[in-house]
């Protein structure tokens, strides 16, 4: 099974439909985070925040591998 070449060409990056889907997903996650906060489940929010920080660090490391090499 091969991956279509348009995924790697960047044509999906500028797709308005992809932006709408990402925005809708963010709204759903914000609603779920609000509900878990009101229920008192702050541990779940802490894990979600930690996962976000780890993902941001990995993306930053992949974007600039030389800087990440100095950090580690």
C-alpha atoms as a PDB file:
ATOM      1  CA  UNK A   1       0.000   0.000   0.000  1.00  0.00           C
ATOM      2  CA  UNK A   2       1.528   3.277  -1.056  1.00  0.00           C
ATOM      3  CA  UNK A   3       0.892   6.772   0.219  1.00  0.00           C
ATOM      4  CA  UNK A   4      -0.441   9.204  -2.399  1.00  0.00           C
ATOM      5  CA  UNK A   5       2.189  11.661  -3.515  1.00  0.00           C
ATOM      6  CA  UNK A   6      -0.083  14.651  -2.934  1.00  0.00           C
ATOM      7  CA  UNK A   7       0.279  14.171   0.815  1.00  0.00           C
ATOM      8  CA  UNK A   8       3.991  14.791   0.568  1.00  0.00           C
ATOM      9  CA  UNK A   9       3.717  17.638  -1.954  1.00  0.00           C
ATOM     10  CA  UNK A  10       2.084  19.990   0.545  1.00  0.00           C
ATOM     11  CA  UNK A  11      -1.189  20.353  -1.345  1.00  0.00           C
ATOM     12  CA  UNK A  12      -3.176  19.197   1.685  1.00  0.00           C
ATOM     13  CA  UNK A  13      -1.554  21.798   3.891  1.00  0.00           C
ATOM     14  CA  UNK A  14      -3.452  24.647   2.234  1.00  0.00           C
ATOM     15  CA  UNK A  15      -6.778  22.817   2.068  1.00  0.00           C
ATOM     16  CA  UNK A  16      -9.620  24.866   3.587  1.00  0.00           C
ATOM     17  CA  UNK A  17     -11.523  21.674   4.417  1.00  0.00           C
ATOM     18  CA  UNK A  18      -8.611  20.425   6.482  1.00  0.00           C
ATOM     19  CA  UNK A  19      -8.577  23.723   8.379  1.00  0.00           C
ATOM     20  CA  UNK A  20     -12.302  23.473   9.119  1.00  0.00           C
ATOM     21  CA  UNK A  21     -11.911  19.898  10.335  1.00  0.00           C
ATOM     22  CA  UNK A  22      -8.976  20.886  12.577  1.00  0.00           C
ATOM     23  CA  UNK A  23     -10.957  23.828  13.981  1.00  0.00           C
ATOM     24  CA  UNK A  24     -13.956  21.590  14.707  1.00  0.00           C
ATOM     25  CA  UNK A  25     -11.690  19.064  16.427  1.00  0.00           C
ATOM     26  CA  UNK A  26     -10.215  21.832  18.587  1.00  0.00           C
ATOM     27  CA  UNK A  27     -13.703  22.997  19.584  1.00  0.00           C
ATOM     28  CA  UNK A  28     -14.672  19.460  20.595  1.00  0.00           C
ATOM     29  CA  UNK A  29     -11.478  19.041  22.633  1.00  0.00           C
ATOM     30  CA  UNK A  30     -12.023  22.416  24.340  1.00  0.00           C
ATOM     31  CA  UNK A  31     -15.565  21.384  25.258  1.00  0.00           C
ATOM     32  CA  UNK A  32     -14.326  18.078  26.685  1.00  0.00           C
ATOM     33  CA  UNK A  33     -11.576  19.859  28.628  1.00  0.00           C
ATOM     34  CA  UNK A  34     -14.127  22.257  30.096  1.00  0.00           C
ATOM     35  CA  UNK A  35     -16.334  19.360  31.167  1.00  0.00           C
ATOM     36  CA  UNK A  36     -13.460  17.471  32.762  1.00  0.00           C
ATOM     37  CA  UNK A  37     -12.417  20.621  34.623  1.00  0.00           C
ATOM     38  CA  UNK A  38     -15.906  21.083  36.050  1.00  0.00           C
ATOM     39  CA  UNK A  39     -16.019  17.403  37.076  1.00  0.00           C
ATOM     40  CA  UNK A  40     -12.761  17.880  38.973  1.00  0.00           C
ATOM     41  CA  UNK A  41     -10.642  15.625  36.762  1.00  0.00           C
ATOM     42  CA  UNK A  42      -7.560  17.821  36.752  1.00  0.00           C
ATOM     43  CA  UNK A  43      -5.194  14.856  36.438  1.00  0.00           C
ATOM     44  CA  UNK A  44      -6.544  14.193  32.939  1.00  0.00           C
ATOM     45  CA  UNK A  45      -5.960  17.831  32.020  1.00  0.00           C
ATOM     46  CA  UNK A  46      -2.426  17.647  33.372  1.00  0.00           C
ATOM     47  CA  UNK A  47      -1.695  14.586  31.242  1.00  0.00           C
ATOM     48  CA  UNK A  48      -3.169  16.317  28.185  1.00  0.00           C
ATOM     49  CA  UNK A  49      -0.990  19.365  28.820  1.00  0.00           C
ATOM     50  CA  UNK A  50       2.075  17.193  29.257  1.00  0.00           C
ATOM     51  CA  UNK A  51       1.298  15.357  26.024  1.00  0.00           C
ATOM     52  CA  UNK A  52       0.970  18.711  24.244  1.00  0.00           C
ATOM     53  CA  UNK A  53       4.347  19.862  25.557  1.00  0.00           C
ATOM     54  CA  UNK A  54       6.031  16.621  24.508  1.00  0.00           C
ATOM     55  CA  UNK A  55       4.530  16.874  21.012  1.00  0.00           C
ATOM     56  CA  UNK A  56       5.620  20.509  20.725  1.00  0.00           C
ATOM     57  CA  UNK A  57       9.155  19.538  21.781  1.00  0.00           C
ATOM     58  CA  UNK A  58       9.269  16.708  19.237  1.00  0.00           C
ATOM     59  CA  UNK A  59       8.068  18.996  16.428  1.00  0.00           C
ATOM     60  CA  UNK A  60      10.630  21.639  17.395  1.00  0.00           C
ATOM     61  CA  UNK A  61      13.325  18.978  17.474  1.00  0.00           C
ATOM     62  CA  UNK A  62      12.350  17.669  14.052  1.00  0.00           C
ATOM     63  CA  UNK A  63      12.261  21.173  12.568  1.00  0.00           C
ATOM     64  CA  UNK A  64      15.733  22.064  13.800  1.00  0.00           C
ATOM     65  CA  UNK A  65      17.715  18.942  14.503  1.00  0.00           C
ATOM     66  CA  UNK A  66      20.969  20.825  15.097  1.00  0.00           C
ATOM     67  CA  UNK A  67      19.482  22.879  17.924  1.00  0.00           C
ATOM     68  CA  UNK A  68      17.943  19.720  19.392  1.00  0.00           C
ATOM     69  CA  UNK A  69      21.325  18.015  19.216  1.00  0.00           C
ATOM     70  CA  UNK A  70      22.778  20.771  21.407  1.00  0.00           C
ATOM     71  CA  UNK A  71      19.882  20.467  23.889  1.00  0.00           C
ATOM     72  CA  UNK A  72      20.203  16.722  24.375  1.00  0.00           C
END
